[in-house]
Protein backbone atom coordinates (compact mmCIF):
# COMPACT_ATOMS: atom_id res chain seq x y z
CA MET A 1 61.94 58.96 72.69
CA LYS A 2 65.07 58.43 74.78
CA THR A 3 67.01 60.80 72.52
CA VAL A 4 64.42 63.54 73.12
CA GLU A 5 64.55 62.95 76.88
CA LYS A 6 68.35 63.01 76.85
CA ALA A 7 68.37 66.24 74.80
CA GLY A 8 65.91 67.78 77.27
CA ARG A 9 68.09 66.81 80.24
CA THR A 10 71.20 68.15 78.49
CA GLU A 11 69.45 71.45 77.74
CA ALA A 12 68.16 71.74 81.31
CA SER A 13 71.63 70.97 82.63
CA ALA A 14 73.16 73.64 80.37
CA ARG A 15 70.58 76.20 81.57
CA ALA A 16 71.29 75.32 85.20
CA ARG A 17 75.05 75.65 84.57
CA ALA A 18 74.56 79.06 82.92
CA GLU A 19 72.46 80.26 85.88
CA GLU A 20 75.06 78.96 88.35
CA ASP A 21 77.80 80.74 86.38
CA LEU A 22 75.94 84.06 86.56
CA TYR A 23 75.33 83.62 90.29
CA LEU A 24 79.02 82.91 90.90
CA LEU A 25 80.06 85.79 88.64
CA ALA A 26 77.90 88.19 90.67
CA ARG A 27 79.77 87.02 93.77
CA VAL A 28 83.14 87.41 92.00
CA LYS A 29 82.20 91.02 91.27
CA ARG A 30 81.91 91.45 95.05
CA ARG A 31 85.46 89.97 95.34
CA ASP A 32 84.27 86.59 96.66
CA LEU A 33 87.33 84.34 96.32
CA LYS A 34 85.33 81.12 96.90
CA ALA A 35 83.06 81.94 93.94
CA PHE A 36 86.10 82.59 91.76
CA GLU A 37 87.62 79.28 92.87
CA ALA A 38 84.40 77.46 91.95
CA LEU A 39 84.42 78.98 88.46
CA TYR A 40 88.14 78.30 88.16
CA ARG A 41 87.70 74.62 89.06
CA HIS A 42 84.89 74.27 86.52
CA TYR A 43 86.54 76.05 83.58
CA GLN A 44 90.24 75.37 84.11
CA PRO A 45 90.19 71.78 82.74
CA ARG A 46 88.02 72.72 79.75
CA LEU A 47 90.11 75.76 78.87
CA ALA A 48 93.35 73.82 79.38
CA ARG A 49 92.25 71.10 76.91
CA PHE A 50 91.13 73.71 74.40
CA LEU A 51 94.33 75.72 74.69
CA MET A 52 96.54 72.61 74.46
CA ASN A 53 94.87 71.65 71.20
CA ILE A 54 95.44 75.14 69.83
CA LEU A 55 98.85 76.05 71.23
CA ARG A 56 100.45 72.58 71.45
CA ARG A 57 103.02 74.05 73.86
CA PRO A 58 102.50 73.16 77.54
CA HIS A 59 104.44 76.17 78.85
CA LEU A 60 102.27 78.53 76.79
CA VAL A 61 99.06 76.80 77.82
CA GLU A 62 99.70 77.48 81.49
CA GLU A 63 100.54 81.12 80.82
CA VAL A 64 97.53 81.77 78.55
CA LEU A 65 95.21 79.87 80.88
CA ASP A 66 96.32 81.96 83.87
CA ASP A 67 95.98 85.18 81.86
CA THR A 68 92.49 84.16 80.70
CA LEU A 69 91.17 83.32 84.16
CA LEU A 70 92.85 86.39 85.62
CA VAL A 71 90.51 88.50 83.46
CA LEU A 72 87.61 86.79 85.24
CA TRP A 73 89.01 87.90 88.61
CA ASP A 74 90.40 91.32 87.65
CA ARG A 75 87.69 92.50 85.25
CA PRO A 76 84.45 90.58 85.87
CA ASP A 77 82.48 93.70 84.91
CA SER A 78 83.79 93.38 81.35
CA PHE A 79 81.36 90.45 80.90
CA SER A 80 78.41 92.12 79.17
CA GLY A 81 75.94 89.25 79.47
CA ARG A 82 75.29 89.09 75.71
CA SER A 83 76.63 85.52 75.64
CA LYS A 84 77.15 82.65 78.04
CA LEU A 85 80.02 83.05 80.50
CA SER A 86 81.68 80.02 78.90
CA THR A 87 81.61 81.73 75.49
CA TRP A 88 83.16 84.85 76.99
CA LEU A 89 85.96 82.85 78.66
CA PHE A 90 86.71 80.81 75.53
CA THR A 91 86.79 84.07 73.52
CA ILE A 92 89.37 85.53 75.88
CA GLY A 93 91.36 82.28 75.77
CA TRP A 94 91.24 82.16 71.95
CA ARG A 95 92.45 85.74 71.58
CA LYS A 96 95.23 85.32 74.10
CA ALA A 97 96.27 82.03 72.46
CA MET A 98 96.46 83.63 69.01
CA LYS A 99 98.50 86.50 70.44
CA ALA A 100 100.87 84.02 72.13
CA LEU A 101 101.22 81.99 68.90
CA ARG A 102 102.17 85.09 66.93
CA LYS A 103 105.05 85.64 69.37
CA GLN A 104 106.37 82.06 69.05
CA ASP A 105 108.81 80.65 66.51
CA ASP A 106 108.83 76.86 66.49
CA PRO A 107 105.99 74.46 67.29
CA VAL A 108 106.56 72.13 70.24
CA GLU A 109 104.44 69.03 70.71
CA ASP A 110 103.18 67.88 74.11
CA ARG A 111 104.73 64.41 74.38
CA PHE A 112 102.74 63.52 77.49
CA ILE A 113 99.20 64.34 76.35
CA GLU A 114 98.31 60.66 75.82
CA GLU A 115 99.40 59.81 79.37
CA ARG A 116 97.00 62.22 81.01
CA ILE A 117 94.02 60.29 82.35
CA ASN A 118 90.63 61.67 83.27
CA PRO A 119 89.81 60.24 86.75
CA ASP A 120 86.07 60.19 85.96
CA ARG A 121 86.47 57.50 83.27
CA SER A 122 86.90 53.73 83.60
CA PRO A 123 90.23 52.16 82.52
CA GLU A 124 88.56 50.70 79.41
CA GLN A 125 87.05 54.04 78.49
CA CYS A 126 90.40 55.75 79.08
CA ALA A 127 92.21 53.20 76.88
CA GLY A 128 89.68 53.71 74.08
CA ASP A 129 89.82 57.47 74.53
CA ASN A 130 93.61 57.38 74.41
CA ARG A 131 93.65 55.38 71.17
CA MET A 132 91.13 57.72 69.60
CA ARG A 133 92.93 60.78 70.95
CA ALA A 134 96.31 59.62 69.59
CA ALA A 135 94.86 59.04 66.11
CA LEU A 136 92.96 62.32 66.23
CA LEU A 137 95.93 64.36 67.48
CA GLU A 138 98.08 63.01 64.68
CA ALA A 139 95.44 64.03 62.13
CA LEU A 140 94.80 67.38 63.85
CA ALA A 141 98.49 68.29 63.66
CA ASP A 142 98.12 69.07 59.95
CA LEU A 143 95.22 71.49 60.48
CA SER A 144 95.63 75.24 60.92
CA PRO A 145 95.13 76.63 64.46
CA GLU A 146 91.79 78.06 63.31
CA GLN A 147 90.57 74.69 62.04
CA ARG A 148 91.83 72.91 65.19
CA ALA A 149 89.96 75.45 67.32
CA VAL A 150 86.67 74.87 65.47
CA VAL A 151 87.00 71.08 65.79
CA ASP A 152 88.01 71.30 69.45
CA LEU A 153 85.23 73.69 70.47
CA SER A 154 82.59 71.74 68.56
CA TYR A 155 83.52 68.16 69.42
CA PHE A 156 85.19 68.40 72.81
CA HIS A 157 83.29 71.32 74.34
CA GLU A 158 79.98 70.92 72.49
CA ILE A 159 79.87 74.60 71.61
CA GLY A 160 77.60 75.58 68.72
CA TYR A 161 78.74 77.33 65.56
CA ARG A 162 77.19 80.66 66.56
CA ASP A 163 79.13 80.71 69.85
CA ILE A 164 82.31 79.52 68.09
CA ALA A 165 81.94 82.43 65.67
CA GLU A 166 81.68 84.79 68.62
CA ILE A 167 84.71 83.22 70.32
CA MET A 168 86.82 83.42 67.17
CA ASP A 169 85.42 86.81 66.09
CA CYS A 170 84.43 85.66 62.62
CA PRO A 171 81.20 85.03 60.69
CA VAL A 172 79.28 81.78 61.27
CA ASP A 173 79.85 80.88 57.61
CA THR A 174 83.61 81.06 58.19
CA VAL A 175 83.25 78.62 61.09
CA LYS A 176 81.23 76.28 58.86
CA THR A 177 83.85 76.51 56.09
CA ARG A 178 86.67 75.79 58.52
CA MET A 179 84.75 72.80 59.89
CA PHE A 180 84.03 71.52 56.39
CA HIS A 181 87.71 71.59 55.41
CA ALA A 182 88.82 70.19 58.77
CA ARG A 183 86.36 67.29 58.54
CA ARG A 184 87.39 66.55 54.97
CA HIS A 185 91.04 66.40 56.02
CA LEU A 186 90.29 64.31 59.11
CA ARG A 187 88.18 61.81 57.15
CA ARG A 188 91.08 61.32 54.74
CA ALA A 189 93.63 61.08 57.56
CA LEU A 190 91.64 58.74 59.82
CA SER A 191 90.59 55.27 58.81
CA GLY A 192 88.03 52.71 60.00
CA ASP A 193 85.87 53.56 62.99
CA TYR A 194 87.57 56.89 63.64
CA GLY A 195 86.82 58.15 60.13
CA ASP A 196 83.13 57.41 60.76
CA TRP A 197 83.29 59.43 63.99
CA ILE A 198 84.18 62.59 62.05
């Protein structure tokens, strides 16, 4: 019963967020800087985490993140409304990240990713998160950018396969295949409790 109630609250919260996004977007279209700042504050951390997992280069993350959110300010009318605003922003981020990766030569790891702490979590939760994140990042390093993106969007952003397919401009079956292979690799690479998590 509690699971059903929790799912209902989560769904209601997602609907409220989507409505708030559309309201703020309408204001952005009228060049309302405060509305843009509200959307920026909400999506910047999520996009930054996603892009870091894909690009693995802090200097590129900042550039791609700025370029992505600049589209929101410069071309808000390009949002057609066929998807959620979050899906649209992650799609832009994904495409810009892939374009940036094609221009790069050597991969560079973010040495400080484990030291970043989310202020909304307790120290114990942060320590557990950091241990899990370190093990997961090590295992994720062997995945392709496409597989890392599917894992990141699904697990860390709770985006469904249909929206991931839209973001990555591929069929839903391709997303499922990428997730299957990514999970298989991660289960082999992770042991104990973390392997069960995947």
